[in-house]
Amino acid sequence: MDAPFVGSVEMLRSFTICNVQLNIRLSPNLGNGGLVWPSTFFLAEYLQHLPICGLSIAELGAGTGLLGIWAATRGANVVLTDVAELLPLLKDNVCLNMDQISKGGGTVRVEALCWGDKSEIPVSVMDCSLILGSDLVHWIGFGLFDEDTRTLLCQTICTLLRECSGKKTYLCHEIRSQQREAQLVHMIRDTGLCVHQERMITYTWSDGDEAQPSGFVYSDVTDFGQCSKISGDGLCLTTQSSTELDGEKRNVVILALSSA
């Protein structure tokens, strides 16, 4: 299993994400949403090359809020969403980084959102032009969630994208199983959305030493863009199985979803 940035008790940690240092409170007692996962950093690195300043962005399953808060420091107007239990943590982390957000010219608000219920989507989220999700597709069998939420996630994204043809969603996550990744692609297609593979990152995690701090060691970064419309049952690159990934190279994918 990929390792999140976490300790055994609630703690305040400093993260540097695309040269922006942010203070984030972690809360392991809230489950996976109270942790920070590697895909957050890979998606931010991708987004930093896009014109997000002034953009209205909604982050689904924001957890600690690190990705969305970073986007706000780049001038984006961000709505962080998650289940009600995580809202106090999100609000706390927004307050901890308000100086950075204000300096960057962005704004952040926090809203409750449960996937799958169209009537429960806040207006502020419906109005956003870019939807983000980092490590949202953990599945049954990996011991992370009690239920498979992929269908509900796809339904929510479909609702948001169909409100405006210009909207786009970026999902970033580690590939833990080719079979389950293919299932996700089919679920997205079944809602009538288009899905493209934007980027594949292969990396290992280094615990570091006195000379080199801990962090990501890149093996390969491949960009695909719009030419990568997924055909068949899977992605453009063959990846290792989840068992082979433990302690070895790991593969993270960024998917772009849009209305047909």
Protein backbone atom coordinates (compact mmCIF):
# COMPACT_ATOMS: atom_id res chain seq x y z
CA MET A 1 0.00 0.00 0.00
CA ASP A 2 1.24 3.48 -0.78
CA ALA A 3 2.23 5.46 2.29
CA PRO A 4 0.55 8.76 3.18
CA PHE A 5 2.26 11.52 5.10
CA VAL A 6 1.01 10.70 8.55
CA GLY A 7 1.86 10.16 12.19
CA SER A 8 -0.04 8.25 14.82
CA VAL A 9 -1.68 11.32 16.36
CA GLU A 10 -3.07 14.63 15.17
CA MET A 11 -0.23 16.91 14.19
CA LEU A 12 0.63 20.13 12.43
CA ARG A 13 3.03 19.68 9.54
CA SER A 14 4.64 21.95 7.00
CA PHE A 15 4.46 20.88 3.34
CA THR A 16 6.21 22.46 0.38
CA ILE A 17 4.10 22.06 -2.73
CA CYS A 18 5.39 23.62 -5.95
CA ASN A 19 7.64 25.99 -3.95
CA VAL A 20 4.77 27.11 -1.72
CA GLN A 21 5.10 26.24 1.97
CA LEU A 22 1.80 25.49 3.69
CA ASN A 23 0.92 24.44 7.23
CA ILE A 24 -1.50 21.53 7.31
CA ARG A 25 -3.08 19.83 10.30
CA LEU A 26 -3.32 16.07 9.86
CA SER A 27 -5.94 14.08 11.72
CA PRO A 28 -5.50 10.28 11.35
CA ASN A 29 -8.53 9.64 13.56
CA LEU A 30 -10.67 10.94 10.68
CA GLY A 31 -9.44 8.16 8.40
CA ASN A 32 -7.86 8.64 5.00
CA GLY A 33 -9.41 12.07 4.56
CA GLY A 34 -7.36 13.33 7.47
CA LEU A 35 -4.08 12.46 5.76
CA VAL A 36 -2.04 13.84 2.86
CA TRP A 37 -1.36 11.51 -0.07
CA PRO A 38 1.36 11.71 -2.75
CA SER A 39 -1.03 12.28 -5.68
CA THR A 40 -1.76 15.75 -4.31
CA PHE A 41 1.78 16.84 -5.15
CA PHE A 42 1.76 15.29 -8.63
CA LEU A 43 -1.51 16.97 -9.57
CA ALA A 44 -0.27 20.34 -8.27
CA GLU A 45 2.88 19.99 -10.36
CA TYR A 46 0.70 19.42 -13.42
CA LEU A 47 -1.63 22.32 -12.62
CA GLN A 48 1.14 24.85 -12.03
CA HIS A 49 1.67 24.99 -15.80
CA LEU A 50 -2.00 25.82 -16.44
CA PRO A 51 -3.59 29.30 -16.18
CA ILE A 52 -5.53 28.73 -12.94
CA CYS A 53 -5.25 32.30 -11.59
CA GLY A 54 -8.78 33.72 -11.37
CA LEU A 55 -10.32 30.33 -12.15
CA SER A 56 -13.21 28.95 -10.08
CA ILE A 57 -12.13 25.52 -8.86
CA ALA A 58 -13.94 22.86 -6.83
CA GLU A 59 -11.99 20.10 -5.12
CA LEU A 60 -13.94 16.92 -4.46
CA GLY A 61 -13.00 14.85 -1.40
CA ALA A 62 -10.60 17.60 -0.36
CA GLY A 63 -9.60 15.91 2.92
CA THR A 64 -7.00 18.18 4.52
CA GLY A 65 -7.47 20.74 1.73
CA LEU A 66 -3.78 20.89 0.76
CA LEU A 67 -4.34 20.81 -3.02
CA GLY A 68 -7.13 23.39 -3.07
CA ILE A 69 -5.36 25.69 -0.62
CA TRP A 70 -2.27 25.58 -2.84
CA ALA A 71 -4.42 26.48 -5.88
CA ALA A 72 -5.77 29.47 -3.96
CA THR A 73 -2.21 30.69 -3.35
CA ARG A 74 -1.89 30.75 -7.15
CA GLY A 75 -4.88 33.09 -7.40
CA ALA A 76 -7.71 30.58 -7.90
CA ASN A 77 -11.11 30.91 -6.24
CA VAL A 78 -11.53 27.51 -4.61
CA VAL A 79 -14.40 25.58 -3.07
CA LEU A 80 -13.17 22.73 -0.86
CA THR A 81 -15.74 19.95 -0.47
CA ASP A 82 -15.97 16.80 1.61
CA VAL A 83 -18.26 15.00 4.01
CA ALA A 84 -19.46 16.89 7.07
CA GLU A 85 -17.05 15.14 9.44
CA LEU A 86 -14.05 16.64 7.64
CA LEU A 87 -15.28 20.23 7.40
CA PRO A 88 -13.78 21.38 10.75
CA LEU A 89 -10.35 20.11 9.64
CA LEU A 90 -10.70 21.85 6.27
CA LYS A 91 -11.71 25.14 7.88
CA ASP A 92 -8.84 24.89 10.35
CA ASN A 93 -6.31 24.38 7.54
CA VAL A 94 -7.73 27.29 5.55
CA CYS A 95 -7.30 29.55 8.58
CA LEU A 96 -3.73 28.32 9.09
CA ASN A 97 -2.82 29.43 5.56
CA MET A 98 -4.96 32.54 5.14
CA ASP A 99 -1.95 34.84 4.84
CA GLN A 100 -0.57 32.78 1.94
CA ILE A 101 -3.99 32.65 0.27
CA SER A 102 -4.49 36.41 0.57
CA LYS A 103 -0.98 37.09 -0.69
CA GLY A 104 -1.65 34.91 -3.75
CA GLY A 105 -4.91 36.69 -4.52
CA GLY A 106 -7.16 33.64 -4.24
CA THR A 107 -10.14 32.77 -2.08
CA VAL A 108 -11.31 29.60 -0.34
CA ARG A 109 -14.67 28.47 0.95
CA VAL A 110 -15.64 25.14 2.48
CA GLU A 111 -18.82 23.20 1.61
CA ALA A 112 -20.26 19.82 2.51
CA LEU A 113 -20.80 17.47 -0.44
CA CYS A 114 -21.80 13.81 -0.51
CA TRP A 115 -21.31 12.22 -3.92
CA GLY A 116 -24.23 10.86 -5.88
CA ASP A 117 -26.99 13.23 -4.76
CA LYS A 118 -27.53 15.94 -7.36
CA SER A 119 -29.83 17.92 -5.11
CA GLU A 120 -27.10 18.24 -2.47
CA ILE A 121 -24.50 19.88 -4.74
CA PRO A 122 -23.90 23.48 -3.54
CA VAL A 123 -24.45 26.26 -6.06
CA SER A 124 -20.89 27.43 -5.48
CA VAL A 125 -19.63 24.05 -6.72
CA MET A 126 -21.97 23.98 -9.71
CA ASP A 127 -20.57 27.35 -10.80
CA CYS A 128 -16.94 26.16 -10.84
CA SER A 129 -15.23 25.71 -14.21
CA LEU A 130 -12.58 23.22 -13.07
CA ILE A 131 -13.11 20.16 -10.86
CA LEU A 132 -10.19 18.45 -9.11
CA GLY A 133 -9.83 15.15 -7.31
CA SER A 134 -6.72 13.61 -5.77
CA ASP A 135 -6.66 9.95 -4.68
CA LEU A 136 -10.44 9.65 -4.64
CA VAL A 137 -10.68 6.19 -6.18
CA HIS A 138 -9.52 3.92 -3.38
CA TRP A 139 -11.48 0.69 -3.51
CA ILE A 140 -12.89 -2.14 -1.47
CA GLY A 141 -10.23 -4.77 -0.94
CA PHE A 142 -7.47 -2.27 -0.21
CA GLY A 143 -8.67 -1.64 3.32
CA LEU A 144 -9.16 2.08 2.76
CA PHE A 145 -12.91 2.55 2.53
CA ASP A 146 -15.83 0.41 3.68
CA GLU A 147 -17.66 0.89 0.39
CA ASP A 148 -16.90 1.40 -3.26
CA THR A 149 -17.59 5.08 -3.98
CA ARG A 150 -16.47 5.17 -7.61
CA THR A 151 -19.99 5.07 -9.09
CA LEU A 152 -21.19 7.90 -6.84
CA LEU A 153 -18.08 9.94 -7.70
CA CYS A 154 -18.67 9.46 -11.44
CA GLN A 155 -22.32 10.48 -11.07
CA THR A 156 -21.34 13.68 -9.29
CA ILE A 157 -18.67 14.56 -11.84
CA CYS A 158 -21.14 13.90 -14.65
CA THR A 159 -23.67 16.27 -13.08
CA LEU A 160 -21.06 18.99 -12.72
CA LEU A 161 -19.63 18.66 -16.23
CA ARG A 162 -23.00 18.57 -17.97
CA GLU A 163 -23.90 21.95 -16.49
CA CYS A 164 -21.36 23.59 -18.82
CA SER A 165 -19.61 22.13 -21.86
CA GLY A 166 -16.43 24.07 -21.09
CA LYS A 167 -15.86 22.44 -17.72
CA LYS A 168 -13.13 19.87 -17.15
CA THR A 169 -12.18 17.49 -14.35
CA TYR A 170 -8.72 16.25 -13.46
CA LEU A 171 -8.41 13.09 -11.38
CA CYS A 172 -5.03 12.00 -10.08
CA HIS A 173 -4.41 8.70 -8.30
CA GLU A 174 -2.03 5.82 -7.94
CA ILE A 175 -2.75 2.78 -10.10
CA ARG A 176 -3.13 -0.06 -7.64
CA SER A 177 -4.75 -2.55 -10.00
CA GLN A 178 -5.06 -2.60 -13.80
CA GLN A 179 -8.39 -4.40 -13.56
CA ARG A 180 -9.89 -1.84 -11.20
CA GLU A 181 -8.45 1.00 -13.27
CA ALA A 182 -10.23 -0.43 -16.34
CA GLN A 183 -13.44 -0.63 -14.30
CA LEU A 184 -13.09 3.07 -13.45
CA VAL A 185 -12.67 3.96 -17.13
CA HIS A 186 -15.85 2.01 -17.97
CA MET A 187 -17.74 3.74 -15.14
CA ILE A 188 -16.72 7.14 -16.47
CA ARG A 189 -17.75 6.19 -20.01
CA ASP A 190 -21.08 4.82 -18.79
CA THR A 191 -22.01 8.32 -17.62
CA GLY A 192 -21.42 9.60 -21.18
CA LEU A 193 -18.22 11.47 -20.35
CA CYS A 194 -14.99 11.51 -22.35
CA VAL A 195 -11.82 10.46 -20.57
CA HIS A 196 -8.22 11.11 -21.61
CA GLN A 197 -4.97 10.06 -20.01
CA GLU A 198 -3.01 13.29 -19.52
CA ARG A 199 0.09 12.18 -17.65
CA MET A 200 1.71 9.05 -16.20
CA ILE A 201 4.29 9.44 -13.44
CA THR A 202 6.54 6.62 -12.29
CA TYR A 203 8.31 7.24 -9.00
CA THR A 204 9.83 5.70 -5.92
CA TRP A 205 9.76 7.05 -2.40
CA SER A 206 13.02 7.83 -0.63
CA ASP A 207 13.17 7.97 3.16
CA GLY A 208 16.19 10.22 2.78
CA ASP A 209 19.31 10.70 4.87
CA GLU A 210 21.44 13.56 6.18
CA ALA A 211 22.52 14.55 2.66
CA GLN A 212 19.19 14.09 0.88
CA PRO A 213 15.77 14.74 2.46
CA SER A 214 12.91 12.31 2.04
CA GLY A 215 10.75 12.74 -1.02
CA PHE A 216 9.85 11.56 -4.51
CA VAL A 217 12.46 10.16 -6.85
CA TYR A 218 11.14 10.32 -10.41
CA SER A 219 11.78 7.44 -12.77
CA ASP A 220 9.68 8.71 -15.66
CA VAL A 221 7.08 11.36 -16.53
CA THR A 222 5.10 10.90 -19.75
CA ASP A 223 2.64 13.52 -21.04
CA PHE A 224 -0.09 12.50 -23.46
CA GLY A 225 -2.72 15.26 -23.72
CA GLN A 226 -5.78 15.06 -25.95
CA CYS A 227 -4.19 12.44 -28.20
CA SER A 228 -4.59 9.92 -25.39
CA LYS A 229 -8.31 9.20 -25.58
CA ILE A 230 -8.52 5.82 -23.91
CA SER A 231 -9.62 2.95 -26.08
CA GLY A 232 -10.26 -0.64 -25.10
CA ASP A 233 -10.15 -1.58 -21.46
CA GLY A 234 -7.29 0.40 -20.03
CA LEU A 235 -4.58 3.01 -20.18
CA CYS A 236 -1.83 3.68 -22.66
CA LEU A 237 0.93 2.25 -20.50
CA THR A 238 1.18 -1.17 -18.91
CA THR A 239 1.88 -0.83 -15.18
CA GLN A 240 3.06 -3.16 -12.49
CA SER A 241 0.62 -4.96 -10.23
CA SER A 242 -0.14 -3.57 -6.78
CA THR A 243 2.06 -6.20 -5.11
CA GLU A 244 5.01 -5.33 -7.31
CA LEU A 245 4.56 -1.66 -6.51
CA ASP A 246 5.05 -2.09 -2.75
CA GLY A 247 8.51 -0.74 -1.98
CA GLU A 248 9.30 -0.45 -5.69
CA LYS A 249 8.29 1.83 -8.53
CA ARG A 250 4.82 3.29 -8.27
CA ASN A 251 2.63 4.63 -11.07
CA VAL A 252 0.38 7.66 -10.77
CA VAL A 253 -2.02 8.71 -13.53
CA ILE A 254 -3.75 12.00 -14.25
CA LEU A 255 -7.04 11.61 -16.09
CA ALA A 256 -8.92 14.45 -17.79
CA LEU A 257 -12.71 14.12 -17.95
CA SER A 258 -15.01 16.27 -20.05
CA SER A 259 -18.54 16.18 -21.40
CA ALA A 260 -19.02 14.44 -24.74
